[in-house]
Amino acid sequence: MSHPLAYANQCLYHADILISAWQHSAQNSEVLDTQVALAFAPPVQSKLLDSYGWLLLAACRIRQTPEVVPHSVAQLPALPTGLVHPAEVEACAQLESDGWIAELQAPIEQSAVRRSHSLAVEQGVSWEQFLHWAERLKTLAQQIADGIDES
């Protein structure tokens, strides 16, 4: 396993721990769900974005540890002359513009209230959404690992 892939998996593991704690806290807390979500969402998002960045580095076969883990394709270090990004990275670039990765990268709103049939309904981030993104990142990690194994 490449170093970046190992770091990506470690970040996913830490995100899973945080999501489990978030779920437990949300189900067993007397604190408002929004406050619990706002306490957990930023660190979970950070771990998932770090995992994503390590996956991008792994897909590009970049083994040198960067000072800052990229959170997007645009933040990747330049490839040597004549090399192009692998197909997985190009697919990720597309998902960053209009897919689930764009949703994961979006800033977390401190409060989100929407109107629904004349009632104010609180709608913010949820542990379920982050769990879904974590599962998608695990699938992406497997695809990248398979690509590395085949090369």
Protein backbone atom coordinates (compact mmCIF):
# COMPACT_ATOMS: atom_id res chain seq x y z
CA MET A 1 0.00 0.00 0.00
CA SER A 2 1.35 3.43 -0.87
CA HIS A 3 1.97 5.92 1.92
CA PRO A 4 -0.73 8.35 0.74
CA LEU A 5 -3.23 5.49 0.53
CA ALA A 6 -2.37 4.45 4.09
CA TYR A 7 -2.86 8.04 5.29
CA ALA A 8 -6.18 8.22 3.44
CA ASN A 9 -7.38 5.05 5.16
CA GLN A 10 -6.23 6.36 8.54
CA CYS A 11 -8.22 9.58 8.01
CA LEU A 12 -11.29 7.54 7.01
CA TYR A 13 -10.90 5.44 10.16
CA HIS A 14 -10.73 8.58 12.32
CA ALA A 15 -13.76 10.01 10.51
CA ASP A 16 -15.67 6.78 11.24
CA ILE A 17 -14.87 7.15 14.94
CA LEU A 18 -16.08 10.75 14.94
CA ILE A 19 -19.25 9.86 13.02
CA SER A 20 -20.02 7.06 15.49
CA ALA A 21 -19.55 9.46 18.41
CA TRP A 22 -21.73 12.03 16.63
CA GLN A 23 -24.48 9.46 16.09
CA HIS A 24 -24.30 8.34 19.73
CA SER A 25 -24.34 11.90 20.98
CA ALA A 26 -27.22 12.90 18.71
CA GLN A 27 -29.29 9.94 19.91
CA ASN A 28 -28.48 10.28 23.62
CA SER A 29 -28.08 13.99 24.21
CA GLU A 30 -30.28 16.62 25.73
CA VAL A 31 -28.41 19.20 23.66
CA LEU A 32 -30.09 20.49 20.50
CA ASP A 33 -29.31 18.38 17.43
CA THR A 34 -28.05 21.47 15.63
CA GLN A 35 -25.49 22.17 18.32
CA VAL A 36 -24.29 18.57 18.34
CA ALA A 37 -24.03 18.67 14.54
CA LEU A 38 -22.10 21.94 14.60
CA ALA A 39 -19.70 20.46 17.15
CA PHE A 40 -19.00 17.32 15.11
CA ALA A 41 -19.39 18.43 11.48
CA PRO A 42 -16.21 20.53 11.10
CA PRO A 43 -13.76 17.88 12.39
CA VAL A 44 -15.52 15.12 10.44
CA GLN A 45 -15.45 17.21 7.26
CA SER A 46 -11.77 17.96 7.83
CA LYS A 47 -10.91 14.25 8.21
CA LEU A 48 -12.91 13.34 5.10
CA LEU A 49 -11.30 16.11 3.04
CA ASP A 50 -7.85 15.06 4.27
CA SER A 51 -8.66 11.50 3.23
CA TYR A 52 -9.78 12.77 -0.17
CA GLY A 53 -6.53 14.70 -0.58
CA TRP A 54 -4.43 11.67 0.29
CA LEU A 55 -6.44 9.66 -2.24
CA LEU A 56 -5.69 12.24 -4.93
CA LEU A 57 -1.98 12.06 -4.08
CA ALA A 58 -2.10 8.25 -4.17
CA ALA A 59 -3.86 8.27 -7.55
CA CYS A 60 -1.13 10.54 -8.95
CA ARG A 61 1.53 8.25 -7.43
CA ILE A 62 2.92 11.16 -5.41
CA ARG A 63 4.71 9.68 -2.42
CA GLN A 64 6.36 12.80 -1.00
CA THR A 65 4.37 14.15 1.94
CA PRO A 66 3.17 17.68 1.21
CA GLU A 67 3.21 20.45 3.81
CA VAL A 68 -0.56 20.75 3.44
CA VAL A 69 -2.82 17.96 2.24
CA PRO A 70 -4.72 19.11 -0.87
CA HIS A 71 -8.50 19.20 -0.61
CA SER A 72 -9.06 19.53 -4.36
CA VAL A 73 -7.54 18.56 -7.69
CA ALA A 74 -6.50 22.19 -8.24
CA GLN A 75 -4.36 22.03 -5.08
CA LEU A 76 -2.34 19.02 -6.25
CA PRO A 77 1.36 19.58 -6.87
CA ALA A 78 2.31 19.97 -10.52
CA LEU A 79 3.10 16.73 -12.29
CA PRO A 80 6.39 16.33 -14.15
CA THR A 81 6.39 17.57 -17.74
CA GLY A 82 4.64 15.18 -20.09
CA LEU A 83 2.52 13.46 -17.42
CA VAL A 84 -1.21 13.93 -17.06
CA HIS A 85 -3.55 13.19 -14.20
CA PRO A 86 -4.94 9.65 -14.11
CA ALA A 87 -8.57 9.11 -15.12
CA GLU A 88 -9.63 8.76 -11.46
CA VAL A 89 -8.32 12.25 -10.74
CA GLU A 90 -10.08 13.72 -13.77
CA ALA A 91 -13.31 12.06 -12.59
CA CYS A 92 -12.78 13.61 -9.16
CA ALA A 93 -12.30 17.05 -10.76
CA GLN A 94 -15.72 16.66 -12.37
CA LEU A 95 -17.29 15.59 -9.05
CA GLU A 96 -15.75 18.68 -7.44
CA SER A 97 -17.64 20.93 -9.81
CA ASP A 98 -21.07 19.31 -9.69
CA GLY A 99 -21.11 16.11 -7.67
CA TRP A 100 -20.96 14.68 -4.18
CA ILE A 101 -17.39 15.90 -3.65
CA ALA A 102 -18.57 19.48 -4.25
CA GLU A 103 -21.14 18.94 -1.50
CA LEU A 104 -18.46 17.59 0.86
CA GLN A 105 -16.19 20.57 0.09
CA ALA A 106 -18.92 23.16 0.69
CA PRO A 107 -18.57 25.29 3.82
CA ILE A 108 -20.69 24.12 6.72
CA GLU A 109 -23.49 26.54 7.43
CA GLN A 110 -23.72 27.60 11.05
CA SER A 111 -27.49 27.54 10.91
CA ALA A 112 -29.82 26.40 8.24
CA VAL A 113 -33.54 27.03 8.51
CA ARG A 114 -35.92 26.61 5.63
CA ARG A 115 -39.63 27.22 5.33
CA SER A 116 -41.88 24.25 4.73
CA HIS A 117 -45.61 24.79 4.38
CA SER A 118 -45.56 27.88 6.64
CA LEU A 119 -43.42 26.18 9.28
CA ALA A 120 -39.79 26.88 10.00
CA VAL A 121 -37.91 23.60 9.73
CA GLU A 122 -34.36 23.28 10.88
CA GLN A 123 -32.25 21.63 8.25
CA GLY A 124 -28.53 21.39 8.63
CA VAL A 125 -25.76 18.88 8.41
CA SER A 126 -26.31 15.35 9.65
CA TRP A 127 -24.12 12.45 10.64
CA GLU A 128 -26.01 10.36 8.05
CA GLN A 129 -24.81 12.61 5.22
CA PHE A 130 -21.22 12.44 6.43
CA LEU A 131 -21.49 8.67 6.76
CA HIS A 132 -22.67 8.52 3.15
CA TRP A 133 -19.69 10.61 2.01
CA ALA A 134 -17.32 8.40 4.03
CA GLU A 135 -18.71 5.32 2.28
CA ARG A 136 -18.23 6.97 -1.11
CA LEU A 137 -14.64 7.84 -0.20
CA LYS A 138 -14.04 4.21 0.80
CA THR A 139 -15.27 3.14 -2.64
CA LEU A 140 -12.99 5.71 -4.26
CA ALA A 141 -10.08 4.44 -2.12
CA GLN A 142 -10.69 0.91 -3.39
CA GLN A 143 -10.79 2.10 -7.01
CA ILE A 144 -7.52 3.98 -6.56
CA ALA A 145 -5.89 1.02 -4.79
CA ASP A 146 -6.97 -1.23 -7.66
CA GLY A 147 -5.49 1.24 -10.16
CA ILE A 148 -2.21 1.31 -8.25
CA ASP A 149 -2.11 -2.50 -8.13
CA GLU A 150 -2.68 -2.71 -11.88
CA SER A 151 0.12 -0.31 -12.75
